[in-house]
PDB file of N, CA and C in Angstrom:
ATOM      1  N   MET A   1       7.144 -23.159  33.608  1.00  0.00           N
ATOM      2  CA  MET A   1       7.670 -23.081  32.053  1.00  0.00           C
ATOM      3  C   MET A   1       9.103 -22.812  31.962  1.00  0.00           C
ATOM      4  N   SER A   2       9.844 -23.325  30.849  1.00  0.00           N
ATOM      5  CA  SER A   2      10.937 -22.676  30.687  1.00  0.00           C
ATOM      6  C   SER A   2      11.367 -21.820  29.475  1.00  0.00           C
ATOM      7  N   LYS A   3      12.502 -20.919  29.668  1.00  0.00           N
ATOM      8  CA  LYS A   3      12.296 -20.199  28.608  1.00  0.00           C
ATOM      9  C   LYS A   3      12.521 -20.287  27.278  1.00  0.00           C
ATOM     10  N   GLU A   4      13.170 -21.547  27.099  1.00  0.00           N
ATOM     11  CA  GLU A   4      13.357 -22.387  25.718  1.00  0.00           C
ATOM     12  C   GLU A   4      11.821 -22.241  25.130  1.00  0.00           C
ATOM     13  N   GLN A   5      10.593 -22.632  25.952  1.00  0.00           N
ATOM     14  CA  GLN A   5       9.525 -23.137  25.668  1.00  0.00           C
ATOM     15  C   GLN A   5       8.745 -21.651  24.997  1.00  0.00           C
ATOM     16  N   PHE A   6       8.973 -20.560  26.104  1.00  0.00           N
ATOM     17  CA  PHE A   6       8.740 -19.080  25.465  1.00  0.00           C
ATOM     18  C   PHE A   6       9.257 -18.622  24.596  1.00  0.00           C
ATOM     19  N   LYS A   7      10.526 -19.003  24.288  1.00  0.00           N
ATOM     20  CA  LYS A   7      10.848 -18.428  22.985  1.00  0.00           C
ATOM     21  C   LYS A   7      10.045 -19.319  21.621  1.00  0.00           C
ATOM     22  N   GLU A   8       9.772 -20.577  21.817  1.00  0.00           N
ATOM     23  CA  GLU A   8       8.937 -21.038  21.021  1.00  0.00           C
ATOM     24  C   GLU A   8       7.723 -20.428  20.668  1.00  0.00           C
ATOM     25  N   PHE A   9       6.582 -20.037  21.968  1.00  0.00           N
ATOM     26  CA  PHE A   9       5.821 -19.256  21.908  1.00  0.00           C
ATOM     27  C   PHE A   9       5.652 -18.216  21.327  1.00  0.00           C
ATOM     28  N   VAL A  10       6.655 -17.173  21.423  1.00  0.00           N
ATOM     29  CA  VAL A  10       7.030 -16.029  20.639  1.00  0.00           C
ATOM     30  C   VAL A  10       7.495 -16.253  19.404  1.00  0.00           C
ATOM     31  N   GLN A  11       8.030 -17.467  19.139  1.00  0.00           N
ATOM     32  CA  GLN A  11       8.028 -17.670  17.250  1.00  0.00           C
ATOM     33  C   GLN A  11       7.254 -17.774  16.538  1.00  0.00           C
ATOM     34  N   LYS A  12       5.923 -18.689  17.395  1.00  0.00           N
ATOM     35  CA  LYS A  12       4.746 -18.598  16.645  1.00  0.00           C
ATOM     36  C   LYS A  12       3.895 -17.548  16.828  1.00  0.00           C
ATOM     37  N   ASN A  13       4.115 -16.758  17.685  1.00  0.00           N
ATOM     38  CA  ASN A  13       3.274 -15.384  17.715  1.00  0.00           C
ATOM     39  C   ASN A  13       4.222 -14.140  17.348  1.00  0.00           C
ATOM     40  N   PRO A  14       4.808 -13.783  16.430  1.00  0.00           N
ATOM     41  CA  PRO A  14       5.769 -13.205  16.057  1.00  0.00           C
ATOM     42  C   PRO A  14       5.452 -11.494  16.325  1.00  0.00           C
ATOM     43  N   HIS A  15       3.934 -11.349  16.204  1.00  0.00           N
ATOM     44  CA  HIS A  15       3.334 -10.135  16.197  1.00  0.00           C
ATOM     45  C   HIS A  15       3.433  -9.399  17.992  1.00  0.00           C
ATOM     46  N   LEU A  16       3.673 -10.474  19.021  1.00  0.00           N
ATOM     47  CA  LEU A  16       3.892  -9.786  20.390  1.00  0.00           C
ATOM     48  C   LEU A  16       4.836  -8.717  20.429  1.00  0.00           C
ATOM     49  N   ALA A  17       5.783  -8.943  19.417  1.00  0.00           N
ATOM     50  CA  ALA A  17       7.137  -7.620  19.347  1.00  0.00           C
ATOM     51  C   ALA A  17       6.698  -6.438  18.765  1.00  0.00           C
ATOM     52  N   ASP A  18       5.744  -6.010  18.696  1.00  0.00           N
ATOM     53  CA  ASP A  18       4.902  -5.033  18.165  1.00  0.00           C
ATOM     54  C   ASP A  18       4.443  -4.324  19.620  1.00  0.00           C
ATOM     55  N   TYR A  19       4.036  -4.997  20.499  1.00  0.00           N
ATOM     56  CA  TYR A  19       3.658  -4.411  21.921  1.00  0.00           C
ATOM     57  C   TYR A  19       4.903  -3.875  22.617  1.00  0.00           C
ATOM     58  N   VAL A  20       6.045  -4.664  22.317  1.00  0.00           N
ATOM     59  CA  VAL A  20       7.460  -4.382  23.017  1.00  0.00           C
ATOM     60  C   VAL A  20       8.147  -3.038  22.308  1.00  0.00           C
ATOM     61  N   GLU A  21       7.802  -3.056  20.782  1.00  0.00           N
ATOM     62  CA  GLU A  21       8.287  -1.886  20.172  1.00  0.00           C
ATOM     63  C   GLU A  21       7.598  -0.784  20.550  1.00  0.00           C
ATOM     64  N   ASN A  22       6.538  -0.882  20.668  1.00  0.00           N
ATOM     65  CA  ASN A  22       5.390   0.255  20.992  1.00  0.00           C
ATOM     66  C   ASN A  22       5.425   0.759  22.357  1.00  0.00           C
ATOM     67  N   ASN A  23       6.449  -0.125  23.246  1.00  0.00           N
ATOM     68  CA  ASN A  23       6.235   0.308  24.520  1.00  0.00           C
ATOM     69  C   ASN A  23       5.156   0.228  25.409  1.00  0.00           C
ATOM     70  N   THR A  24       4.161  -0.724  24.872  1.00  0.00           N
ATOM     71  CA  THR A  24       3.126  -0.989  25.760  1.00  0.00           C
ATOM     72  C   THR A  24       3.226  -2.371  26.681  1.00  0.00           C
ATOM     73  N   MET A  25       4.211  -3.426  26.599  1.00  0.00           N
ATOM     74  CA  MET A  25       4.747  -4.530  27.239  1.00  0.00           C
ATOM     75  C   MET A  25       6.000  -4.663  27.169  1.00  0.00           C
ATOM     76  N   THR A  26       6.740  -5.297  28.181  1.00  0.00           N
ATOM     77  CA  THR A  26       7.996  -5.610  27.968  1.00  0.00           C
ATOM     78  C   THR A  26       8.435  -7.031  27.827  1.00  0.00           C
ATOM     79  N   TRP A  27       9.233  -7.720  27.219  1.00  0.00           N
ATOM     80  CA  TRP A  27       9.610  -9.216  27.133  1.00  0.00           C
ATOM     81  C   TRP A  27       9.448  -9.603  28.526  1.00  0.00           C
ATOM     82  N   GLN A  28       9.849  -8.816  29.776  1.00  0.00           N
ATOM     83  CA  GLN A  28       9.721  -9.326  30.939  1.00  0.00           C
ATOM     84  C   GLN A  28       8.188  -9.699  31.307  1.00  0.00           C
ATOM     85  N   LYS A  29       7.549  -8.941  31.056  1.00  0.00           N
ATOM     86  CA  LYS A  29       6.095  -8.897  31.474  1.00  0.00           C
ATOM     87  C   LYS A  29       5.044 -10.115  30.685  1.00  0.00           C
ATOM     88  N   PHE A  30       5.845 -10.086  29.214  1.00  0.00           N
ATOM     89  CA  PHE A  30       5.191 -11.499  28.704  1.00  0.00           C
ATOM     90  C   PHE A  30       5.568 -12.528  29.117  1.00  0.00           C
ATOM     91  N   TYR A  31       6.964 -12.600  29.616  1.00  0.00           N
ATOM     92  CA  TYR A  31       7.436 -14.196  30.223  1.00  0.00           C
ATOM     93  C   TYR A  31       6.592 -14.300  31.594  1.00  0.00           C
ATOM     94  N   GLU A  32       6.435 -13.393  32.260  1.00  0.00           N
ATOM     95  CA  GLU A  32       5.716 -13.510  33.503  1.00  0.00           C
ATOM     96  C   GLU A  32       4.555 -13.905  33.187  1.00  0.00           C
ATOM     97  N   LEU A  33       3.811 -13.457  32.251  1.00  0.00           N
ATOM     98  CA  LEU A  33       2.434 -14.316  32.135  1.00  0.00           C
ATOM     99  C   LEU A  33       2.346 -15.398  31.540  1.00  0.00           C
ATOM    100  N   TYR A  34       3.540 -15.517  31.037  1.00  0.00           N
ATOM    101  CA  TYR A  34       3.807 -17.271  30.452  1.00  0.00           C
ATOM    102  C   TYR A  34       4.274 -17.861  31.286  1.00  0.00           C
ATOM    103  N   ASP A  35       4.871 -17.627  32.287  1.00  0.00           N
ATOM    104  CA  ASP A  35       5.295 -18.618  33.274  1.00  0.00           C
ATOM    105  C   ASP A  35       3.906 -18.861  34.212  1.00  0.00           C
ATOM    106  N   MET A  36       3.041 -17.719  34.758  1.00  0.00           N
ATOM    107  CA  MET A  36       1.977 -18.098  35.325  1.00  0.00           C
ATOM    108  C   MET A  36       0.971 -19.032  34.678  1.00  0.00           C
ATOM    109  N   TYR A  37       0.756 -18.782  33.195  1.00  0.00           N
ATOM    110  CA  TYR A  37      -0.546 -18.736  32.496  1.00  0.00           C
ATOM    111  C   TYR A  37      -0.228 -19.910  31.598  1.00  0.00           C
ATOM    112  N   GLY A  38       1.142 -19.826  31.125  1.00  0.00           N
ATOM    113  CA  GLY A  38       1.144 -20.686  30.331  1.00  0.00           C
ATOM    114  C   GLY A  38       0.369 -20.051  28.706  1.00  0.00           C
ATOM    115  N   GLU A  39       0.183 -21.262  27.537  1.00  0.00           N
ATOM    116  CA  GLU A  39      -0.391 -20.848  26.827  1.00  0.00           C
ATOM    117  C   GLU A  39      -1.858 -20.706  26.510  1.00  0.00           C
ATOM    118  N   ASN A  40      -2.268 -20.485  27.849  1.00  0.00           N
ATOM    119  CA  ASN A  40      -4.054 -20.167  27.994  1.00  0.00           C
ATOM    120  C   ASN A  40      -4.678 -19.215  27.426  1.00  0.00           C
ATOM    121  N   LYS A  41      -5.627 -19.353  26.180  1.00  0.00           N
ATOM    122  CA  LYS A  41      -6.104 -18.824  25.348  1.00  0.00           C
ATOM    123  C   LYS A  41      -6.822 -17.234  25.761  1.00  0.00           C
ATOM    124  N   GLU A  42      -7.076 -17.641  27.047  1.00  0.00           N
ATOM    125  CA  GLU A  42      -7.822 -16.481  27.305  1.00  0.00           C
ATOM    126  C   GLU A  42      -7.201 -15.467  27.926  1.00  0.00           C
ATOM    127  N   ILE A  43      -5.916 -15.579  28.686  1.00  0.00           N
ATOM    128  CA  ILE A  43      -4.928 -14.597  28.881  1.00  0.00           C
ATOM    129  C   ILE A  43      -4.113 -14.042  27.975  1.00  0.00           C
ATOM    130  N   TRP A  44      -3.641 -14.893  26.741  1.00  0.00           N
ATOM    131  CA  TRP A  44      -3.538 -14.094  25.507  1.00  0.00           C
ATOM    132  C   TRP A  44      -4.104 -13.680  24.604  1.00  0.00           C
ATOM    133  N   GLN A  45      -5.366 -13.851  24.735  1.00  0.00           N
ATOM    134  CA  GLN A  45      -6.207 -13.328  23.447  1.00  0.00           C
ATOM    135  C   GLN A  45      -6.301 -11.805  23.212  1.00  0.00           C
ATOM    136  N   LYS A  46      -6.193 -10.949  24.020  1.00  0.00           N
ATOM    137  CA  LYS A  46      -6.216  -9.423  23.641  1.00  0.00           C
ATOM    138  C   LYS A  46      -4.893  -9.278  22.975  1.00  0.00           C
ATOM    139  N   TYR A  47      -3.651 -10.144  23.155  1.00  0.00           N
ATOM    140  CA  TYR A  47      -2.217  -9.726  22.598  1.00  0.00           C
ATOM    141  C   TYR A  47      -2.282 -10.919  20.998  1.00  0.00           C
ATOM    142  N   LEU A  48      -3.092 -11.846  20.776  1.00  0.00           N
ATOM    143  CA  LEU A  48      -2.778 -12.704  20.020  1.00  0.00           C
ATOM    144  C   LEU A  48      -3.900 -12.007  18.956  1.00  0.00           C
ATOM    145  N   ASN A  49      -5.149 -11.440  19.469  1.00  0.00           N
ATOM    146  CA  ASN A  49      -5.915 -11.054  18.506  1.00  0.00           C
ATOM    147  C   ASN A  49      -6.053  -9.287  17.687  1.00  0.00           C
ATOM    148  N   LYS A  50      -5.144  -8.975  18.035  1.00  0.00           N
ATOM    149  CA  LYS A  50      -4.553  -7.629  17.630  1.00  0.00           C
ATOM    150  C   LYS A  50      -4.470  -7.429  16.112  1.00  0.00           C
ATOM    151  N   ASN A  51      -4.083  -8.293  15.603  1.00  0.00           N
ATOM    152  CA  ASN A  51      -3.671  -8.172  14.438  1.00  0.00           C
ATOM    153  C   ASN A  51      -5.227  -8.074  13.548  1.00  0.00           C
ATOM    154  N   ASN A  52      -6.030  -9.001  14.186  1.00  0.00           N
ATOM    155  CA  ASN A  52      -7.486  -9.376  13.454  1.00  0.00           C
ATOM    156  C   ASN A  52      -8.484  -8.004  13.532  1.00  0.00           C
ATOM    157  N   ARG A  53      -7.914  -7.733  14.955  1.00  0.00           N
ATOM    158  CA  ARG A  53      -8.586  -6.334  15.227  1.00  0.00           C
ATOM    159  C   ARG A  53      -8.108  -4.932  14.244  1.00  0.00           C
ATOM    160  N   ASN A  54      -6.938  -4.924  13.789  1.00  0.00           N
ATOM    161  CA  ASN A  54      -6.419  -4.005  13.453  1.00  0.00           C
ATOM    162  C   ASN A  54      -7.053  -3.798  11.574  1.00  0.00           C
ATOM    163  N   ILE A  55      -7.143  -5.145  11.399  1.00  0.00           N
ATOM    164  CA  ILE A  55      -7.561  -5.465   9.998  1.00  0.00           C
ATOM    165  C   ILE A  55      -9.261  -4.974   9.821  1.00  0.00           C
ATOM    166  N   ASN A  56      -9.896  -5.258  11.106  1.00  0.00           N
ATOM    167  CA  ASN A  56     -11.327  -4.993  11.045  1.00  0.00           C
ATOM    168  C   ASN A  56     -11.422  -3.628  11.086  1.00  0.00           C
ATOM    169  N   ASN A  57     -10.703  -2.759  11.815  1.00  0.00           N
ATOM    170  CA  ASN A  57     -10.746  -1.386  12.243  1.00  0.00           C
ATOM    171  C   ASN A  57     -10.252  -0.825  10.898  1.00  0.00           C
ATOM    172  N   PHE A  58      -9.584  -1.209  10.119  1.00  0.00           N
ATOM    173  CA  PHE A  58      -9.273  -0.680   8.589  1.00  0.00           C
ATOM    174  C   PHE A  58     -10.670  -0.912   7.584  1.00  0.00           C
ATOM    175  N   PHE A  59     -11.032  -2.095   7.633  1.00  0.00           N
ATOM    176  CA  PHE A  59     -12.041  -1.984   6.638  1.00  0.00           C
ATOM    177  C   PHE A  59     -13.310  -1.300   7.317  1.00  0.00           C
ATOM    178  N   ASP A  60     -13.565  -1.173   8.527  1.00  0.00           N
ATOM    179  CA  ASP A  60     -14.622  -0.697   9.191  1.00  0.00           C
ATOM    180  C   ASP A  60     -14.307   1.330   8.624  1.00  0.00           C
ATOM    181  N   LYS A  61     -13.075   1.756   8.531  1.00  0.00           N
ATOM    182  CA  LYS A  61     -12.647   3.149   8.301  1.00  0.00           C
ATOM    183  C   LYS A  61     -12.693   3.271   6.675  1.00  0.00           C
ATOM    184  N   VAL A  62     -13.049   2.337   5.746  1.00  0.00           N
ATOM    185  CA  VAL A  62     -12.754   2.431   4.432  1.00  0.00           C
ATOM    186  C   VAL A  62     -14.110   3.047   3.832  1.00  0.00           C
ATOM    187  N   ASP A  63     -14.459   3.931   2.857  1.00  0.00           N
ATOM    188  CA  ASP A  63     -15.710   4.306   2.376  1.00  0.00           C
ATOM    189  C   ASP A  63     -15.496   3.938   1.023  1.00  0.00           C
ATOM    190  N   PRO A  64     -16.450   2.774   0.677  1.00  0.00           N
ATOM    191  CA  PRO A  64     -16.395   2.331  -0.910  1.00  0.00           C
ATOM    192  C   PRO A  64     -16.895   3.481  -1.989  1.00  0.00           C
ATOM    193  N   ASP A  65     -17.662   4.385  -1.383  1.00  0.00           N
ATOM    194  CA  ASP A  65     -18.235   5.279  -2.277  1.00  0.00           C
ATOM    195  C   ASP A  65     -16.869   6.293  -2.342  1.00  0.00           C
ATOM    196  N   ALA A  66     -16.085   6.561  -1.782  1.00  0.00           N
ATOM    197  CA  ALA A  66     -14.972   7.390  -1.865  1.00  0.00           C
ATOM    198  C   ALA A  66     -14.142   6.740  -2.876  1.00  0.00           C
ATOM    199  N   ILE A  67     -13.893   5.505  -2.923  1.00  0.00           N
ATOM    200  CA  ILE A  67     -12.770   4.638  -3.351  1.00  0.00           C
ATOM    201  C   ILE A  67     -13.540   4.613  -4.805  1.00  0.00           C
ATOM    202  N   GLN A  68     -14.650   4.522  -4.957  1.00  0.00           N
ATOM    203  CA  GLN A  68     -15.444   4.449  -6.149  1.00  0.00           C
ATOM    204  C   GLN A  68     -15.292   5.780  -7.046  1.00  0.00           C
ATOM    205  N   LYS A  69     -15.105   7.175  -6.356  1.00  0.00           N
ATOM    206  CA  LYS A  69     -15.109   8.346  -6.836  1.00  0.00           C
ATOM    207  C   LYS A  69     -13.488   8.396  -7.333  1.00  0.00           C
ATOM    208  N   HIS A  70     -12.684   7.704  -6.523  1.00  0.00           N
ATOM    209  CA  HIS A  70     -10.990   8.302  -6.705  1.00  0.00           C
ATOM    210  C   HIS A  70     -10.994   7.074  -8.002  1.00  0.00           C
ATOM    211  N   ILE A  71     -11.573   5.944  -8.381  1.00  0.00           N
ATOM    212  CA  ILE A  71     -11.594   5.305  -9.492  1.00  0.00           C
ATOM    213  C   ILE A  71     -11.742   5.745 -10.843  1.00  0.00           C
ATOM    214  N   GLU A  72     -13.177   6.594 -10.503  1.00  0.00           N
ATOM    215  CA  GLU A  72     -13.579   7.385 -11.735  1.00  0.00           C
ATOM    216  C   GLU A  72     -12.919   8.470 -12.235  1.00  0.00           C
ATOM    217  N   SER A  73     -12.374   9.026 -10.959  1.00  0.00           N
ATOM    218  CA  SER A  73     -11.077  10.078 -11.586  1.00  0.00           C
ATOM    219  C   SER A  73      -9.946   9.838 -12.483  1.00  0.00           C
ATOM    220  N   ALA A  74      -9.390   8.831 -11.732  1.00  0.00           N
ATOM    221  CA  ALA A  74      -8.360   7.987 -12.510  1.00  0.00           C
ATOM    222  C   ALA A  74      -8.761   7.672 -13.995  1.00  0.00           C
ATOM    223  N   GLN A  75      -9.895   6.915 -14.016  1.00  0.00           N
ATOM    224  CA  GLN A  75     -10.255   6.579 -15.306  1.00  0.00           C
ATOM    225  C   GLN A  75     -10.492   7.552 -16.110  1.00  0.00           C
ATOM    226  N   LYS A  76     -11.154   9.370 -15.776  1.00  0.00           N
ATOM    227  CA  LYS A  76     -11.032   9.994 -16.571  1.00  0.00           C
ATOM    228  C   LYS A  76      -9.560  10.500 -16.778  1.00  0.00           C
ATOM    229  N   ALA A  77      -8.914  10.710 -16.170  1.00  0.00           N
ATOM    230  CA  ALA A  77      -7.515  10.852 -16.196  1.00  0.00           C
ATOM    231  C   ALA A  77      -6.737  10.257 -17.569  1.00  0.00           C
ATOM    232  N   LEU A  78      -6.942   8.925 -17.503  1.00  0.00           N
ATOM    233  CA  LEU A  78      -6.522   8.242 -18.544  1.00  0.00           C
ATOM    234  C   LEU A  78      -7.174   7.908 -19.672  1.00  0.00           C
ATOM    235  N   ASP A  79      -8.601   8.347 -19.358  1.00  0.00           N
ATOM    236  CA  ASP A  79      -9.044   8.693 -20.914  1.00  0.00           C
ATOM    237  C   ASP A  79      -8.506   9.856 -21.467  1.00  0.00           C
ATOM    238  N   ILE A  80      -8.806  10.911 -20.867  1.00  0.00           N
ATOM    239  CA  ILE A  80      -7.898  12.172 -21.507  1.00  0.00           C
ATOM    240  C   ILE A  80      -6.472  12.214 -22.181  1.00  0.00           C
ATOM    241  N   PHE A  81      -5.546  11.221 -21.011  1.00  0.00           N
ATOM    242  CA  PHE A  81      -4.097  11.170 -21.438  1.00  0.00           C
ATOM    243  C   PHE A  81      -3.824  10.316 -23.145  1.00  0.00           C
ATOM    244  N   SER A  82      -5.269   9.348 -22.971  1.00  0.00           N
ATOM    245  CA  SER A  82      -5.262   8.256 -24.153  1.00  0.00           C
ATOM    246  C   SER A  82      -5.587   9.174 -25.126  1.00  0.00           C
ATOM    247  N   GLU A  83      -6.424  10.389 -25.159  1.00  0.00           N
ATOM    248  CA  GLU A  83      -7.024  10.974 -26.405  1.00  0.00           C
ATOM    249  C   GLU A  83      -5.960  11.938 -26.788  1.00  0.00           C
ATOM    250  N   ILE A  84      -5.620  12.327 -25.869  1.00  0.00           N
ATOM    251  CA  ILE A  84      -4.027  13.276 -26.125  1.00  0.00           C
ATOM    252  C   ILE A  84      -3.002  12.611 -26.781  1.00  0.00           C
ATOM    253  N   ALA A  85      -2.786  11.335 -26.281  1.00  0.00           N
ATOM    254  CA  ALA A  85      -1.716  10.804 -27.267  1.00  0.00           C
ATOM    255  C   ALA A  85      -1.963  10.136 -28.053  1.00  0.00           C
ATOM    256  N   ASN A  86      -3.628  10.029 -28.748  1.00  0.00           N
ATOM    257  CA  ASN A  86      -4.034   9.552 -30.198  1.00  0.00           C
ATOM    258  C   ASN A  86      -3.746  10.588 -31.017  1.00  0.00           C
ATOM    259  N   LYS A  87      -4.460  11.847 -30.362  1.00  0.00           N
ATOM    260  CA  LYS A  87      -4.172  13.175 -31.304  1.00  0.00           C
ATOM    261  C   LYS A  87      -2.621  13.571 -31.626  1.00  0.00           C
ATOM    262  N   THR A  88      -2.010  13.245 -30.926  1.00  0.00           N
ATOM    263  CA  THR A  88      -0.601  13.791 -31.051  1.00  0.00           C
ATOM    264  C   THR A  88       0.069  12.504 -31.994  1.00  0.00           C
ATOM    265  N   SER A  89      -0.237  11.252 -32.180  1.00  0.00           N
ATOM    266  CA  SER A  89       0.179  10.403 -32.879  1.00  0.00           C
ATOM    267  C   SER A  89      -0.574  10.652 -34.357  1.00  0.00           C
ATOM    268  N   GLU A  90      -1.819  11.024 -34.355  1.00  0.00           N
ATOM    269  CA  GLU A  90      -2.382  11.296 -35.545  1.00  0.00           C
ATOM    270  C   GLU A  90      -1.657  12.329 -36.406  1.00  0.00           C
ATOM    271  N   ASN A  91      -1.561  13.489 -35.528  1.00  0.00           N
ATOM    272  CA  ASN A  91      -0.716  14.631 -36.038  1.00  0.00           C
ATOM    273  C   ASN A  91       0.582  14.088 -36.644  1.00  0.00           C
ATOM    274  N   ILE A  92       1.244  13.089 -36.182  1.00  0.00           N
ATOM    275  CA  ILE A  92       2.916  13.055 -36.512  1.00  0.00           C
ATOM    276  C   ILE A  92       2.698  11.952 -37.785  1.00  0.00           C
ATOM    277  N   THR A  93       1.633  11.003 -37.699  1.00  0.00           N
ATOM    278  CA  THR A  93       1.500  10.391 -38.776  1.00  0.00           C
ATOM    279  C   THR A  93       0.989  11.326 -40.089  1.00  0.00           C
ATOM    280  N   ASN A  94       0.004  12.412 -39.848  1.00  0.00           N
ATOM    281  CA  ASN A  94      -0.404  13.308 -40.902  1.00  0.00           C
ATOM    282  C   ASN A  94      -0.064  14.276 -41.259  1.00  0.00           C
ATOM    283  N   ASN A  95       1.535  14.707 -40.780  1.00  0.00           N
ATOM    284  CA  ASN A  95       2.474  15.495 -40.956  1.00  0.00           C
ATOM    285  C   ASN A  95       2.365  16.188 -42.306  1.00  0.00           C
ATOM    286  N   ILE A  96       1.800  17.404 -42.486  1.00  0.00           N
ATOM    287  CA  ILE A  96       1.776  17.755 -43.904  1.00  0.00           C
ATOM    288  C   ILE A  96       3.102  18.295 -44.186  1.00  0.00           C
ATOM    289  N   LYS A  97       3.881  18.023 -45.152  1.00  0.00           N
ATOM    290  CA  LYS A  97       5.079  18.556 -45.369  1.00  0.00           C
ATOM    291  C   LYS A  97       5.108  19.308 -46.914  1.00  0.00           C
ATOM    292  N   PRO A  98       5.759  20.442 -46.841  1.00  0.00           N
ATOM    293  CA  PRO A  98       5.389  21.309 -48.147  1.00  0.00           C
ATOM    294  C   PRO A  98       5.823  20.685 -49.466  1.00  0.00           C
ATOM    295  N   SER A  99       5.152  20.988 -50.718  1.00  0.00           N
ATOM    296  CA  SER A  99       5.179  20.462 -51.545  1.00  0.00           C
ATOM    297  C   SER A  99       6.375  20.709 -52.260  1.00  0.00           C
ATOM    298  N   ILE A 100       7.053  21.783 -52.006  1.00  0.00           N
ATOM    299  CA  ILE A 100       8.702  22.681 -52.559  1.00  0.00           C
ATOM    300  C   ILE A 100       9.403  22.296 -51.272  1.00  0.00           C
ATOM    301  N   GLU A 101      10.461  21.921 -51.765  1.00  0.00           N
ATOM    302  CA  GLU A 101      11.179  21.600 -50.819  1.00  0.00           C
ATOM    303  C   GLU A 101      12.292  22.936 -51.041  1.00  0.00           C
ATOM    304  N   ARG A 102      12.724  23.713 -49.899  1.00  0.00           N
ATOM    305  CA  ARG A 102      13.346  24.761 -49.902  1.00  0.00           C
ATOM    306  C   ARG A 102      14.938  24.428 -49.261  1.00  0.00           C
ATOM    307  N   PRO A 103      15.987  25.223 -49.796  1.00  0.00           N
ATOM    308  CA  PRO A 103      17.171  24.887 -49.257  1.00  0.00           C
ATOM    309  C   PRO A 103      17.231  25.402 -47.949  1.00  0.00           C
ATOM    310  N   LEU A 104      17.881  25.019 -46.952  1.00  0.00           N
ATOM    311  CA  LEU A 104      18.336  25.349 -45.520  1.00  0.00           C
ATOM    312  C   LEU A 104      19.060  26.715 -45.757  1.00  0.00           C
ATOM    313  N   SER A 105      19.655  27.332 -46.433  1.00  0.00           N
ATOM    314  CA  SER A 105      19.901  28.723 -46.223  1.00  0.00           C
ATOM    315  C   SER A 105      19.185  29.758 -46.715  1.00  0.00           C
ATOM    316  N   LYS A 106      17.622  29.400 -47.127  1.00  0.00           N
ATOM    317  CA  LYS A 106      16.768  30.271 -47.400  1.00  0.00           C
ATOM    318  C   LYS A 106      15.852  30.607 -46.517  1.00  0.00           C
ATOM    319  N   PHE A 107      15.663  31.593 -46.007  1.00  0.00           N
ATOM    320  CA  PHE A 107      14.736  32.176 -45.282  1.00  0.00           C
ATOM    321  C   PHE A 107      13.614  33.042 -45.417  1.00  0.00           C
ATOM    322  N   PHE A 108      12.316  32.759 -45.190  1.00  0.00           N
ATOM    323  CA  PHE A 108      11.299  33.948 -44.974  1.00  0.00           C
ATOM    324  C   PHE A 108      11.319  34.683 -46.587  1.00  0.00           C
ATOM    325  N   GLY A 109      11.432  34.161 -47.579  1.00  0.00           N
ATOM    326  CA  GLY A 109      11.423  34.565 -48.948  1.00  0.00           C
ATOM    327  C   GLY A 109      12.336  35.177 -49.393  1.00  0.00           C
ATOM    328  N   ASP A 110      13.259  35.013 -48.678  1.00  0.00           N
ATOM    329  CA  ASP A 110      14.418  35.800 -49.331  1.00  0.00           C
ATOM    330  C   ASP A 110      14.914  35.508 -50.984  1.00  0.00           C
TER     331      ASP A 110
END
């Protein structure tokens, strides 16, 4: 197998770079596997299905009840915030002004 074919194979499967970045494999070892076996699915299966396993592992760890509790907590917080905002806007619109205007220079019944 040629280096160009290997480069094309790596471009089709960019997640192979994750193994190199994590120091679990080297490009040399990947090239040697490719040189000996080509694109044989049995050889590459454990490297090419990595993303699928990670997604499955992620969803296995997700607790729907915990997510529901967080959503309910967020909804309660938004309801409280909305209630406070409504009361504040009502107070602003219903602001009672004194019937007698006082001059700015007069304080505390002077």
